[in-house]
Amino acid sequence: MALFGKRRKKAKRTTQATDENGLPGFSPNPMTNLILTDIALRGVSRIARRVTEQKMLSKRYSKENAKKVMAGRSVGETLLAAAVARAATRSVPGAVVIGGGLLAKALYDRRKGHSSKIEGRKALHKRIAEAED
């Protein structure tokens, strides 16, 4: 009779990706989760940076021209910007030096006044023209 009685349903065994502390993740391996999180954060950061730059440029220029200005950056300019940002975010002295340099540049540009504004606009228009070619 025991053979023909009610059949027991087997419980489905699902493996949830949790680490040793029970925290959920994509994989049970915490190193894999760390790598995936790092990639996701870098991607989101890059997208947010590009959107912010485009929005700032599109306040004065058309969307097309803003995209051309961003696309016209050289590899050197991109690497320099990344190095400066990294130096500013890694340490307090780096932030002070970079922040002080940016403040000095802003004050210098303000002192030059209208001629500084003209130089900046010429540089942007040159980059737009180069992107069209």
Protein backbone atom coordinates (compact mmCIF):
# COMPACT_ATOMS: atom_id res chain seq x y z
CA MET A 1 0.00 0.00 0.00
CA ALA A 2 2.80 2.34 0.68
CA LEU A 3 3.88 2.10 -2.94
CA PHE A 4 0.49 3.19 -4.23
CA GLY A 5 -0.21 5.91 -1.68
CA LYS A 6 0.06 9.63 -2.21
CA ARG A 7 3.13 10.73 -4.02
CA ARG A 8 5.23 13.30 -2.34
CA LYS A 9 6.05 16.32 -4.37
CA LYS A 10 9.72 16.97 -4.55
CA ALA A 11 10.61 20.45 -3.45
CA LYS A 12 12.27 22.41 -6.19
CA ARG A 13 15.77 23.21 -5.24
CA THR A 14 16.73 26.66 -6.35
CA THR A 15 20.16 27.98 -5.72
CA GLN A 16 20.03 31.58 -4.75
CA ALA A 17 23.14 33.60 -5.29
CA THR A 18 24.10 34.71 -1.81
CA ASP A 19 27.48 35.22 -0.24
CA GLU A 20 28.66 33.88 3.13
CA ASN A 21 26.76 36.65 4.93
CA GLY A 22 23.52 35.81 3.14
CA LEU A 23 23.59 38.95 0.98
CA PRO A 24 22.07 38.48 -2.48
CA GLY A 25 24.08 38.96 -5.64
CA PHE A 26 24.33 37.84 -9.24
CA SER A 27 26.66 34.99 -8.38
CA PRO A 28 27.54 33.03 -5.26
CA ASN A 29 31.15 34.07 -5.89
CA PRO A 30 31.71 37.46 -4.18
CA MET A 31 34.58 38.35 -6.52
CA THR A 32 32.31 37.97 -9.55
CA ASN A 33 29.73 40.20 -7.86
CA LEU A 34 32.39 42.81 -7.16
CA ILE A 35 33.55 42.83 -10.78
CA LEU A 36 29.98 43.08 -12.10
CA THR A 37 29.18 45.92 -9.69
CA ASP A 38 32.34 47.79 -10.68
CA ILE A 39 31.50 47.50 -14.38
CA ALA A 40 27.92 48.66 -13.77
CA LEU A 41 29.02 51.67 -11.69
CA ARG A 42 31.62 52.73 -14.24
CA GLY A 43 29.08 52.47 -17.04
CA VAL A 44 26.47 54.51 -15.19
CA SER A 45 29.10 57.08 -14.24
CA ARG A 46 30.26 57.45 -17.83
CA ILE A 47 26.72 57.84 -19.13
CA ALA A 48 25.88 60.41 -16.44
CA ARG A 49 29.04 62.38 -17.26
CA ARG A 50 28.28 62.48 -20.98
CA VAL A 51 24.64 63.49 -20.41
CA THR A 52 25.72 66.27 -18.05
CA GLU A 53 28.31 67.59 -20.50
CA GLN A 54 25.80 67.54 -23.35
CA LYS A 55 23.19 69.35 -21.29
CA MET A 56 25.67 72.05 -20.29
CA LEU A 57 26.76 72.57 -23.91
CA SER A 58 23.22 72.45 -25.28
CA LYS A 59 22.25 75.44 -23.11
CA ARG A 60 24.20 77.64 -25.52
CA TYR A 61 24.54 75.46 -28.63
CA SER A 62 22.22 73.13 -30.53
CA LYS A 63 22.17 69.43 -29.63
CA GLU A 64 23.97 68.56 -32.86
CA ASN A 65 26.75 71.08 -32.19
CA ALA A 66 27.05 69.92 -28.57
CA LYS A 67 27.55 66.33 -29.79
CA LYS A 68 30.14 67.53 -32.31
CA VAL A 69 32.09 69.35 -29.59
CA MET A 70 32.13 66.23 -27.43
CA ALA A 71 33.04 63.96 -30.33
CA GLY A 72 35.89 66.27 -31.36
CA ARG A 73 37.92 65.71 -28.20
CA SER A 74 41.33 64.23 -28.71
CA VAL A 75 42.62 61.18 -26.88
CA GLY A 76 45.07 63.42 -25.02
CA GLU A 77 42.30 65.70 -23.76
CA THR A 78 40.27 62.72 -22.61
CA LEU A 79 43.22 61.12 -20.79
CA LEU A 80 44.20 64.44 -19.19
CA ALA A 81 40.66 64.99 -17.92
CA ALA A 82 40.54 61.46 -16.51
CA ALA A 83 43.94 61.87 -14.80
CA VAL A 84 42.98 65.21 -13.25
CA ALA A 85 39.65 63.83 -12.02
CA ARG A 86 41.36 60.78 -10.54
CA ALA A 87 43.97 62.93 -8.77
CA ALA A 88 41.23 65.15 -7.35
CA THR A 89 39.13 62.28 -6.04
CA ARG A 90 41.86 60.06 -4.60
CA SER A 91 43.17 62.33 -1.86
CA VAL A 92 42.48 65.54 0.00
CA PRO A 93 45.77 67.15 -1.13
CA GLY A 94 44.93 66.21 -4.73
CA ALA A 95 41.49 67.78 -4.38
CA VAL A 96 43.03 70.95 -2.89
CA VAL A 97 45.63 71.26 -5.67
CA ILE A 98 43.18 70.56 -8.50
CA GLY A 99 40.44 72.71 -6.95
CA GLY A 100 42.91 75.54 -6.37
CA GLY A 101 44.10 75.32 -9.97
CA LEU A 102 40.54 75.42 -11.29
CA LEU A 103 39.72 78.38 -9.05
CA ALA A 104 42.84 80.22 -10.26
CA LYS A 105 41.90 79.53 -13.90
CA ALA A 106 38.34 80.79 -13.32
CA LEU A 107 39.62 83.96 -11.65
CA TYR A 108 42.14 84.49 -14.46
CA ASP A 109 39.40 84.11 -17.07
CA ARG A 110 37.16 86.54 -15.18
CA ARG A 111 39.99 89.07 -15.03
CA LYS A 112 40.54 88.79 -18.78
CA GLY A 113 36.79 89.25 -19.19
CA HIS A 114 35.41 89.50 -22.70
CA SER A 115 38.58 88.35 -24.48
CA SER A 116 38.52 85.05 -22.56
CA LYS A 117 34.91 84.47 -23.59
CA ILE A 118 35.78 85.10 -27.24
CA GLU A 119 38.75 82.71 -27.10
CA GLY A 120 36.59 79.95 -25.64
CA ARG A 121 33.86 80.42 -28.23
CA LYS A 122 36.42 80.37 -31.05
CA ALA A 123 37.84 77.10 -29.75
CA LEU A 124 34.36 75.53 -29.59
CA HIS A 125 33.42 76.75 -33.07
CA LYS A 126 36.71 75.40 -34.41
CA ARG A 127 35.96 72.00 -32.90
CA ILE A 128 32.45 72.05 -34.41
CA ALA A 129 33.86 72.91 -37.84
CA GLU A 130 36.44 70.11 -37.60
CA ALA A 131 33.72 67.61 -36.68
CA GLU A 132 31.69 68.58 -39.75
CA ASP A 133 34.60 67.86 -42.09
